[in-house]
Amino acid sequence: MNTHQSVKIINCGGDTVRIAPGQEVTDIPRKAIPRYGFVHLMRLTDGSYTPVLKSWNQMCRLSLTITEDLGLDIERTTLLRLIRGGFIQGHYITPSLCLFDLHSLYEHLDACKDPEFWDEKKRKAYQQAIRG
C-alpha cells in the first residue's frame, strides 16, 4: 500500500471495500440498516400471507452528519465528490440542499468490492469531482 494514501477502515467485520481512491471501508454496519420498513402482504399458495418488504429509492439529505449517521467512516466531502463524479445519484434542490439516493450509495459500495473497479477513467472522474 502506498504510505501517502490515507486508509480509513471501520471495525465491523466483513470485506474491505475501496469506496473512493484512498478510502476503504468494510461492509455497511448493521446499525445503518433501517429498523422499520413498509411491507405489503403477499398471499402464499396455502392461503396464508407473508409480509414482503416494499423498497424504493430513498432520497437522503447530505447533512453535516450523514456519513456518521449511516455508520460510514468517511468524510462528508468524499460522499459529495462521489455524487459530483456521478458514482452516486444525487442533485441539488437548492444551492445549499443536496439530496442523494441511498440505494445508489449501496450499489456503489457493492460495485467497489471489485478490485478492478477504480480504473483510470473512474479515477479521472473522481479527481474532476474533487476540483469542482
C-alpha atoms as a PDB file:
ATOM      1  CA  MET A   1       0.000   0.000   0.000  1.00  0.00           C
ATOM      2  CA  ASN A   2       1.195   3.492  -0.774  1.00  0.00           C
ATOM      3  CA  THR A   3       2.057   5.159   2.554  1.00  0.00           C
ATOM      4  CA  HIS A   4       0.913   8.530   1.208  1.00  0.00           C
ATOM      5  CA  GLN A   5      -2.693   7.410   0.907  1.00  0.00           C
ATOM      6  CA  SER A   6      -4.920   7.609   3.961  1.00  0.00           C
ATOM      7  CA  VAL A   7      -6.978   4.495   4.599  1.00  0.00           C
ATOM      8  CA  LYS A   8      -9.982   4.556   6.885  1.00  0.00           C
ATOM      9  CA  ILE A   9     -11.477   1.238   7.938  1.00  0.00           C
ATOM     10  CA  ILE A  10     -14.458   0.784  10.212  1.00  0.00           C
ATOM     11  CA  ASN A  11     -14.268  -2.197  12.513  1.00  0.00           C
ATOM     12  CA  CYS A  12     -17.494  -4.120  11.952  1.00  0.00           C
ATOM     13  CA  GLY A  13     -16.329  -7.277  10.177  1.00  0.00           C
ATOM     14  CA  GLY A  14     -16.853  -8.155   6.531  1.00  0.00           C
ATOM     15  CA  ASP A  15     -14.923  -7.467   3.372  1.00  0.00           C
ATOM     16  CA  THR A  16     -12.913  -4.296   2.892  1.00  0.00           C
ATOM     17  CA  VAL A  17     -14.298  -2.078   0.149  1.00  0.00           C
ATOM     18  CA  ARG A  18     -12.495   0.816  -1.547  1.00  0.00           C
ATOM     19  CA  ILE A  19     -15.315   3.397  -1.715  1.00  0.00           C
ATOM     20  CA  ALA A  20     -13.058   6.034  -3.319  1.00  0.00           C
ATOM     21  CA  PRO A  21      -9.351   6.231  -4.113  1.00  0.00           C
ATOM     22  CA  GLY A  22      -7.615   6.102  -0.744  1.00  0.00           C
ATOM     23  CA  GLN A  23     -10.878   5.486   1.132  1.00  0.00           C
ATOM     24  CA  GLU A  24     -11.538   1.936   2.298  1.00  0.00           C
ATOM     25  CA  VAL A  25     -14.438   0.773   4.451  1.00  0.00           C
ATOM     26  CA  THR A  26     -15.928  -2.552   5.396  1.00  0.00           C
ATOM     27  CA  ASP A  27     -19.488  -3.568   4.574  1.00  0.00           C
ATOM     28  CA  ILE A  28     -22.262  -1.288   5.807  1.00  0.00           C
ATOM     29  CA  PRO A  29     -22.716  -1.926   9.533  1.00  0.00           C
ATOM     30  CA  ARG A  30     -25.937  -3.404  10.879  1.00  0.00           C
ATOM     31  CA  LYS A  31     -26.879  -0.149  12.636  1.00  0.00           C
ATOM     32  CA  ALA A  32     -27.079   1.592   9.257  1.00  0.00           C
ATOM     33  CA  ILE A  33     -29.886  -0.727   8.122  1.00  0.00           C
ATOM     34  CA  PRO A  34     -33.315   0.785   8.839  1.00  0.00           C
ATOM     35  CA  ARG A  35     -35.099  -0.720  11.828  1.00  0.00           C
ATOM     36  CA  TYR A  36     -38.553  -0.239  10.321  1.00  0.00           C
ATOM     37  CA  GLY A  37     -39.917  -0.586   6.828  1.00  0.00           C
ATOM     38  CA  PHE A  38     -43.118  -0.721   4.843  1.00  0.00           C
ATOM     39  CA  VAL A  39     -44.437  -4.114   3.767  1.00  0.00           C
ATOM     40  CA  HIS A  40     -47.235  -5.476   1.638  1.00  0.00           C
ATOM     41  CA  LEU A  41     -48.882  -8.807   2.327  1.00  0.00           C
ATOM     42  CA  MET A  42     -48.348 -11.422  -0.346  1.00  0.00           C
ATOM     43  CA  ARG A  43     -50.696 -14.368  -0.494  1.00  0.00           C
ATOM     44  CA  LEU A  44     -48.980 -17.751  -0.480  1.00  0.00           C
ATOM     45  CA  THR A  45     -50.219 -20.906  -2.220  1.00  0.00           C
ATOM     46  CA  ASP A  46     -51.526 -22.344   1.059  1.00  0.00           C
ATOM     47  CA  GLY A  47     -53.802 -19.318   1.546  1.00  0.00           C
ATOM     48  CA  SER A  48     -51.693 -17.678   4.232  1.00  0.00           C
ATOM     49  CA  TYR A  49     -49.957 -14.325   3.868  1.00  0.00           C
ATOM     50  CA  THR A  50     -46.363 -13.242   4.356  1.00  0.00           C
ATOM     51  CA  PRO A  51     -45.029  -9.698   4.686  1.00  0.00           C
ATOM     52  CA  VAL A  52     -42.761  -8.595   1.838  1.00  0.00           C
ATOM     53  CA  LEU A  53     -40.591  -5.542   2.347  1.00  0.00           C
ATOM     54  CA  LYS A  54     -41.557  -2.732  -0.014  1.00  0.00           C
ATOM     55  CA  SER A  55     -38.464  -0.993  -1.296  1.00  0.00           C
ATOM     56  CA  TRP A  56     -37.921   2.040  -3.457  1.00  0.00           C
ATOM     57  CA  ASN A  57     -35.173   4.564  -3.949  1.00  0.00           C
ATOM     58  CA  GLN A  58     -34.792   6.637  -0.827  1.00  0.00           C
ATOM     59  CA  MET A  59     -33.514  10.166  -1.064  1.00  0.00           C
ATOM     60  CA  CYS A  60     -31.408  11.391   1.853  1.00  0.00           C
ATOM     61  CA  ARG A  61     -30.236  14.862   2.700  1.00  0.00           C
ATOM     62  CA  LEU A  62     -26.483  15.373   2.530  1.00  0.00           C
ATOM     63  CA  SER A  63     -26.309  16.745   6.068  1.00  0.00           C
ATOM     64  CA  LEU A  64     -23.200  17.510   8.084  1.00  0.00           C
ATOM     65  CA  THR A  65     -23.565  14.219   9.981  1.00  0.00           C
ATOM     66  CA  ILE A  66     -24.908  11.925   7.234  1.00  0.00           C
ATOM     67  CA  THR A  67     -21.830   9.703   6.964  1.00  0.00           C
ATOM     68  CA  GLU A  68     -21.738   9.259  10.741  1.00  0.00           C
ATOM     69  CA  ASP A  69     -25.496   8.607  10.802  1.00  0.00           C
ATOM     70  CA  LEU A  70     -25.062   5.889   8.165  1.00  0.00           C
ATOM     71  CA  GLY A  71     -22.146   4.362  10.060  1.00  0.00           C
ATOM     72  CA  LEU A  72     -19.624   5.113   7.301  1.00  0.00           C
ATOM     73  CA  ASP A  73     -16.133   6.106   8.361  1.00  0.00           C
ATOM     74  CA  ILE A  74     -15.611   8.561   5.512  1.00  0.00           C
ATOM     75  CA  GLU A  75     -15.746  12.320   5.255  1.00  0.00           C
ATOM     76  CA  ARG A  76     -18.881  14.081   4.047  1.00  0.00           C
ATOM     77  CA  THR A  77     -16.769  15.642   1.293  1.00  0.00           C
ATOM     78  CA  THR A  78     -15.938  12.162  -0.044  1.00  0.00           C
ATOM     79  CA  LEU A  79     -19.645  11.425  -0.360  1.00  0.00           C
ATOM     80  CA  LEU A  80     -20.181  14.787  -2.068  1.00  0.00           C
ATOM     81  CA  ARG A  81     -17.362  14.039  -4.538  1.00  0.00           C
ATOM     82  CA  LEU A  82     -18.902  10.647  -5.333  1.00  0.00           C
ATOM     83  CA  ILE A  83     -22.185  12.426  -6.099  1.00  0.00           C
ATOM     84  CA  ARG A  84     -20.481  15.095  -8.231  1.00  0.00           C
ATOM     85  CA  GLY A  85     -18.481  12.401 -10.045  1.00  0.00           C
ATOM     86  CA  GLY A  86     -21.653  10.502 -10.941  1.00  0.00           C
ATOM     87  CA  PHE A  87     -20.859   7.424  -8.829  1.00  0.00           C
ATOM     88  CA  ILE A  88     -23.870   8.053  -6.579  1.00  0.00           C
ATOM     89  CA  GLN A  89     -27.130   9.581  -7.822  1.00  0.00           C
ATOM     90  CA  GLY A  90     -27.873  12.946  -6.302  1.00  0.00           C
ATOM     91  CA  HIS A  91     -28.884  16.504  -7.104  1.00  0.00           C
ATOM     92  CA  TYR A  92     -29.192  19.930  -5.565  1.00  0.00           C
ATOM     93  CA  ILE A  93     -32.720  21.057  -4.668  1.00  0.00           C
ATOM     94  CA  THR A  94     -31.353  24.464  -3.664  1.00  0.00           C
ATOM     95  CA  PRO A  95     -27.784  25.804  -3.663  1.00  0.00           C
ATOM     96  CA  SER A  96     -27.321  24.558  -0.094  1.00  0.00           C
ATOM     97  CA  LEU A  97     -29.508  21.402  -0.125  1.00  0.00           C
ATOM     98  CA  CYS A  98     -28.250  18.259  -1.834  1.00  0.00           C
ATOM     99  CA  LEU A  99     -30.251  15.019  -1.883  1.00  0.00           C
ATOM    100  CA  PHE A 100     -28.785  11.652  -2.818  1.00  0.00           C
ATOM    101  CA  ASP A 101     -30.222   8.237  -3.496  1.00  0.00           C
ATOM    102  CA  LEU A 102     -29.392   5.891  -0.643  1.00  0.00           C
ATOM    103  CA  HIS A 103     -29.917   2.867  -2.877  1.00  0.00           C
ATOM    104  CA  SER A 104     -27.286   4.121  -5.320  1.00  0.00           C
ATOM    105  CA  LEU A 105     -24.848   4.506  -2.397  1.00  0.00           C
ATOM    106  CA  TYR A 106     -25.375   0.841  -1.507  1.00  0.00           C
ATOM    107  CA  GLU A 107     -24.935  -0.124  -5.175  1.00  0.00           C
ATOM    108  CA  HIS A 108     -21.680   1.846  -5.271  1.00  0.00           C
ATOM    109  CA  LEU A 109     -20.430   0.054  -2.145  1.00  0.00           C
ATOM    110  CA  ASP A 110     -21.220  -3.286  -3.792  1.00  0.00           C
ATOM    111  CA  ALA A 111     -19.517  -2.275  -7.048  1.00  0.00           C
ATOM    112  CA  CYS A 112     -16.385  -1.244  -5.142  1.00  0.00           C
ATOM    113  CA  LYS A 113     -15.891  -4.806  -3.920  1.00  0.00           C
ATOM    114  CA  ASP A 114     -14.376  -5.491  -7.333  1.00  0.00           C
ATOM    115  CA  PRO A 115     -10.658  -4.649  -7.062  1.00  0.00           C
ATOM    116  CA  GLU A 116     -10.706  -3.579 -10.721  1.00  0.00           C
ATOM    117  CA  PHE A 117     -13.482  -1.007 -10.138  1.00  0.00           C
ATOM    118  CA  TRP A 118     -11.240   2.038  -9.860  1.00  0.00           C
ATOM    119  CA  ASP A 119      -9.874   2.045 -13.401  1.00  0.00           C
ATOM    120  CA  GLU A 120      -8.226   5.102 -14.935  1.00  0.00           C
ATOM    121  CA  LYS A 121     -11.476   6.541 -16.335  1.00  0.00           C
ATOM    122  CA  LYS A 122     -13.207   6.356 -12.937  1.00  0.00           C
ATOM    123  CA  ARG A 123     -10.185   7.788 -11.164  1.00  0.00           C
ATOM    124  CA  LYS A 124     -10.219  10.781 -13.525  1.00  0.00           C
ATOM    125  CA  ALA A 125     -13.964  11.325 -12.941  1.00  0.00           C
ATOM    126  CA  TYR A 126     -13.376  11.268  -9.189  1.00  0.00           C
ATOM    127  CA  GLN A 127     -10.405  13.646  -9.470  1.00  0.00           C
ATOM    128  CA  GLN A 128     -12.505  16.021 -11.585  1.00  0.00           C
ATOM    129  CA  ALA A 129     -15.182  15.987  -8.867  1.00  0.00           C
ATOM    130  CA  ILE A 130     -12.515  16.984  -6.316  1.00  0.00           C
ATOM    131  CA  ARG A 131     -11.550  20.005  -8.391  1.00  0.00           C
ATOM    132  CA  GLY A 132     -15.025  21.287  -8.613  1.00  0.00           C
END
